[in-house]
Amino acid sequence: MSETLIAALFVFVLASFAGFEVINKVPPTLHTPLMSGANAISGIAVLGALIIAGDKDWNVTVILGLVAVVFATINVVGGFLVTDRMLQMFKKKEAA
């Protein structure tokens, strides 16, 4: 294995543990507002994945970039749907 791959896997494992610990400590009442704020980060992930997937040659990097685009887009759309549903709960209901 190359040193670059080992370093990337090490960073991925550390980020996974750190992310799990951060999400685990968030109370349920704050989870939805924090997730709506995380949509900006997912938008950045979409842009990065588009840059990676933009190569003309089809190789593993382009395929993984395409998969990243799909997953990050699903995350962004789902986050906006959840945020919209949460905001609908706070709107006043009109009398019939």
C-alpha atoms as a PDB file:
ATOM      1  CA  MET A   1       0.000   0.000   0.000  1.00  0.00           C
ATOM      2  CA  SER A   2       1.226   3.462  -0.759  1.00  0.00           C
ATOM      3  CA  GLU A   3       1.896   5.985   1.960  1.00  0.00           C
ATOM      4  CA  THR A   4      -0.725   8.318   0.504  1.00  0.00           C
ATOM      5  CA  LEU A   5      -3.447   5.676   0.740  1.00  0.00           C
ATOM      6  CA  ILE A   6      -2.509   4.807   4.311  1.00  0.00           C
ATOM      7  CA  ALA A   7      -2.548   8.506   5.299  1.00  0.00           C
ATOM      8  CA  ALA A   8      -5.944   8.976   3.618  1.00  0.00           C
ATOM      9  CA  LEU A   9      -7.392   5.935   5.403  1.00  0.00           C
ATOM     10  CA  PHE A  10      -5.987   7.185   8.718  1.00  0.00           C
ATOM     11  CA  VAL A  11      -7.642  10.588   8.235  1.00  0.00           C
ATOM     12  CA  PHE A  12     -10.909   8.905   7.211  1.00  0.00           C
ATOM     13  CA  VAL A  13     -10.976   6.704  10.328  1.00  0.00           C
ATOM     14  CA  LEU A  14     -10.168   9.630  12.631  1.00  0.00           C
ATOM     15  CA  ALA A  15     -12.837  11.794  10.970  1.00  0.00           C
ATOM     16  CA  SER A  16     -15.367   8.982  11.327  1.00  0.00           C
ATOM     17  CA  PHE A  17     -14.703   8.634  15.054  1.00  0.00           C
ATOM     18  CA  ALA A  18     -14.754  12.414  15.579  1.00  0.00           C
ATOM     19  CA  GLY A  19     -17.993  12.769  13.588  1.00  0.00           C
ATOM     20  CA  PHE A  20     -19.651   9.973  15.535  1.00  0.00           C
ATOM     21  CA  GLU A  21     -18.693  11.545  18.850  1.00  0.00           C
ATOM     22  CA  VAL A  22     -19.897  15.002  17.801  1.00  0.00           C
ATOM     23  CA  ILE A  23     -23.252  13.730  16.493  1.00  0.00           C
ATOM     24  CA  ASN A  24     -23.703  11.476  19.524  1.00  0.00           C
ATOM     25  CA  LYS A  25     -23.441  14.453  21.913  1.00  0.00           C
ATOM     26  CA  VAL A  26     -26.110  16.576  20.152  1.00  0.00           C
ATOM     27  CA  PRO A  27     -29.498  16.586  21.917  1.00  0.00           C
ATOM     28  CA  PRO A  28     -32.473  15.631  19.718  1.00  0.00           C
ATOM     29  CA  THR A  29     -33.984  19.138  19.892  1.00  0.00           C
ATOM     30  CA  LEU A  30     -30.915  20.628  18.219  1.00  0.00           C
ATOM     31  CA  HIS A  31     -30.401  17.896  15.648  1.00  0.00           C
ATOM     32  CA  THR A  32     -32.665  19.280  12.891  1.00  0.00           C
ATOM     33  CA  PRO A  33     -31.379  22.895  13.032  1.00  0.00           C
ATOM     34  CA  LEU A  34     -27.798  21.652  12.969  1.00  0.00           C
ATOM     35  CA  MET A  35     -28.556  19.378  10.026  1.00  0.00           C
ATOM     36  CA  SER A  36     -30.076  22.261   8.085  1.00  0.00           C
ATOM     37  CA  GLY A  37     -26.875  24.210   8.674  1.00  0.00           C
ATOM     38  CA  ALA A  38     -24.848  21.233   7.479  1.00  0.00           C
ATOM     39  CA  ASN A  39     -26.471  21.520   4.046  1.00  0.00           C
ATOM     40  CA  ALA A  40     -23.906  24.184   3.162  1.00  0.00           C
ATOM     41  CA  ILE A  41     -21.138  21.695   3.880  1.00  0.00           C
ATOM     42  CA  SER A  42     -22.894  19.103   1.712  1.00  0.00           C
ATOM     43  CA  GLY A  43     -23.126  21.697  -1.051  1.00  0.00           C
ATOM     44  CA  ILE A  44     -19.356  22.116  -0.874  1.00  0.00           C
ATOM     45  CA  ALA A  45     -19.043  18.322  -1.078  1.00  0.00           C
ATOM     46  CA  VAL A  46     -21.150  18.382  -4.259  1.00  0.00           C
ATOM     47  CA  LEU A  47     -18.835  20.956  -5.821  1.00  0.00           C
ATOM     48  CA  GLY A  48     -15.734  18.981  -4.869  1.00  0.00           C
ATOM     49  CA  ALA A  49     -17.230  15.791  -6.243  1.00  0.00           C
ATOM     50  CA  LEU A  50     -18.116  17.565  -9.487  1.00  0.00           C
ATOM     51  CA  ILE A  51     -14.525  18.713  -9.848  1.00  0.00           C
ATOM     52  CA  ILE A  52     -13.270  15.165  -9.299  1.00  0.00           C
ATOM     53  CA  ALA A  53     -15.842  13.635 -11.648  1.00  0.00           C
ATOM     54  CA  GLY A  54     -15.148  16.196 -14.372  1.00  0.00           C
ATOM     55  CA  ASP A  55     -12.221  14.317 -15.911  1.00  0.00           C
ATOM     56  CA  LYS A  56     -12.646  13.133 -19.510  1.00  0.00           C
ATOM     57  CA  ASP A  57     -11.112   9.713 -18.931  1.00  0.00           C
ATOM     58  CA  TRP A  58     -13.246   7.095 -17.209  1.00  0.00           C
ATOM     59  CA  ASN A  59     -11.300   5.664 -14.315  1.00  0.00           C
ATOM     60  CA  VAL A  60     -11.918   4.808 -10.665  1.00  0.00           C
ATOM     61  CA  THR A  61     -11.589   8.448  -9.578  1.00  0.00           C
ATOM     62  CA  VAL A  62     -14.295   9.621 -11.972  1.00  0.00           C
ATOM     63  CA  ILE A  63     -16.651   6.806 -10.961  1.00  0.00           C
ATOM     64  CA  LEU A  64     -16.134   7.540  -7.247  1.00  0.00           C
ATOM     65  CA  GLY A  65     -16.632  11.245  -7.958  1.00  0.00           C
ATOM     66  CA  LEU A  66     -19.918  10.483  -9.710  1.00  0.00           C
ATOM     67  CA  VAL A  67     -21.068   8.360  -6.773  1.00  0.00           C
ATOM     68  CA  ALA A  68     -20.067  11.207  -4.410  1.00  0.00           C
ATOM     69  CA  VAL A  69     -22.107  13.678  -6.483  1.00  0.00           C
ATOM     70  CA  VAL A  70     -25.191  11.455  -6.256  1.00  0.00           C
ATOM     71  CA  PHE A  71     -24.901  10.850  -2.503  1.00  0.00           C
ATOM     72  CA  ALA A  72     -24.109  14.480  -1.647  1.00  0.00           C
ATOM     73  CA  THR A  73     -27.038  15.675  -3.778  1.00  0.00           C
ATOM     74  CA  ILE A  74     -29.385  13.256  -2.006  1.00  0.00           C
ATOM     75  CA  ASN A  75     -28.063  14.582   1.309  1.00  0.00           C
ATOM     76  CA  VAL A  76     -28.632  18.220   0.324  1.00  0.00           C
ATOM     77  CA  VAL A  77     -32.158  17.627  -1.011  1.00  0.00           C
ATOM     78  CA  GLY A  78     -33.104  15.513   2.008  1.00  0.00           C
ATOM     79  CA  GLY A  79     -31.748  18.165   4.354  1.00  0.00           C
ATOM     80  CA  PHE A  80     -33.800  20.873   2.682  1.00  0.00           C
ATOM     81  CA  LEU A  81     -36.930  18.714   2.830  1.00  0.00           C
ATOM     82  CA  VAL A  82     -36.426  18.067   6.543  1.00  0.00           C
ATOM     83  CA  THR A  83     -35.765  21.764   7.178  1.00  0.00           C
ATOM     84  CA  ASP A  84     -38.892  22.759   5.236  1.00  0.00           C
ATOM     85  CA  ARG A  85     -40.978  20.268   7.186  1.00  0.00           C
ATOM     86  CA  MET A  86     -39.573  21.604  10.448  1.00  0.00           C
ATOM     87  CA  LEU A  87     -40.364  25.199   9.470  1.00  0.00           C
ATOM     88  CA  GLN A  88     -43.914  24.211   8.486  1.00  0.00           C
ATOM     89  CA  MET A  89     -44.473  23.083  12.079  1.00  0.00           C
ATOM     90  CA  PHE A  90     -43.909  26.642  13.327  1.00  0.00           C
ATOM     91  CA  LYS A  91     -46.211  28.429  10.864  1.00  0.00           C
ATOM     92  CA  LYS A  92     -49.575  29.590  12.096  1.00  0.00           C
ATOM     93  CA  LYS A  93     -52.474  27.596  10.752  1.00  0.00           C
ATOM     94  CA  GLU A  94     -55.129  29.618   8.968  1.00  0.00           C
ATOM     95  CA  ALA A  95     -58.707  29.362  10.193  1.00  0.00           C
ATOM     96  CA  ALA A  96     -61.016  27.496   7.846  1.00  0.00           C
END
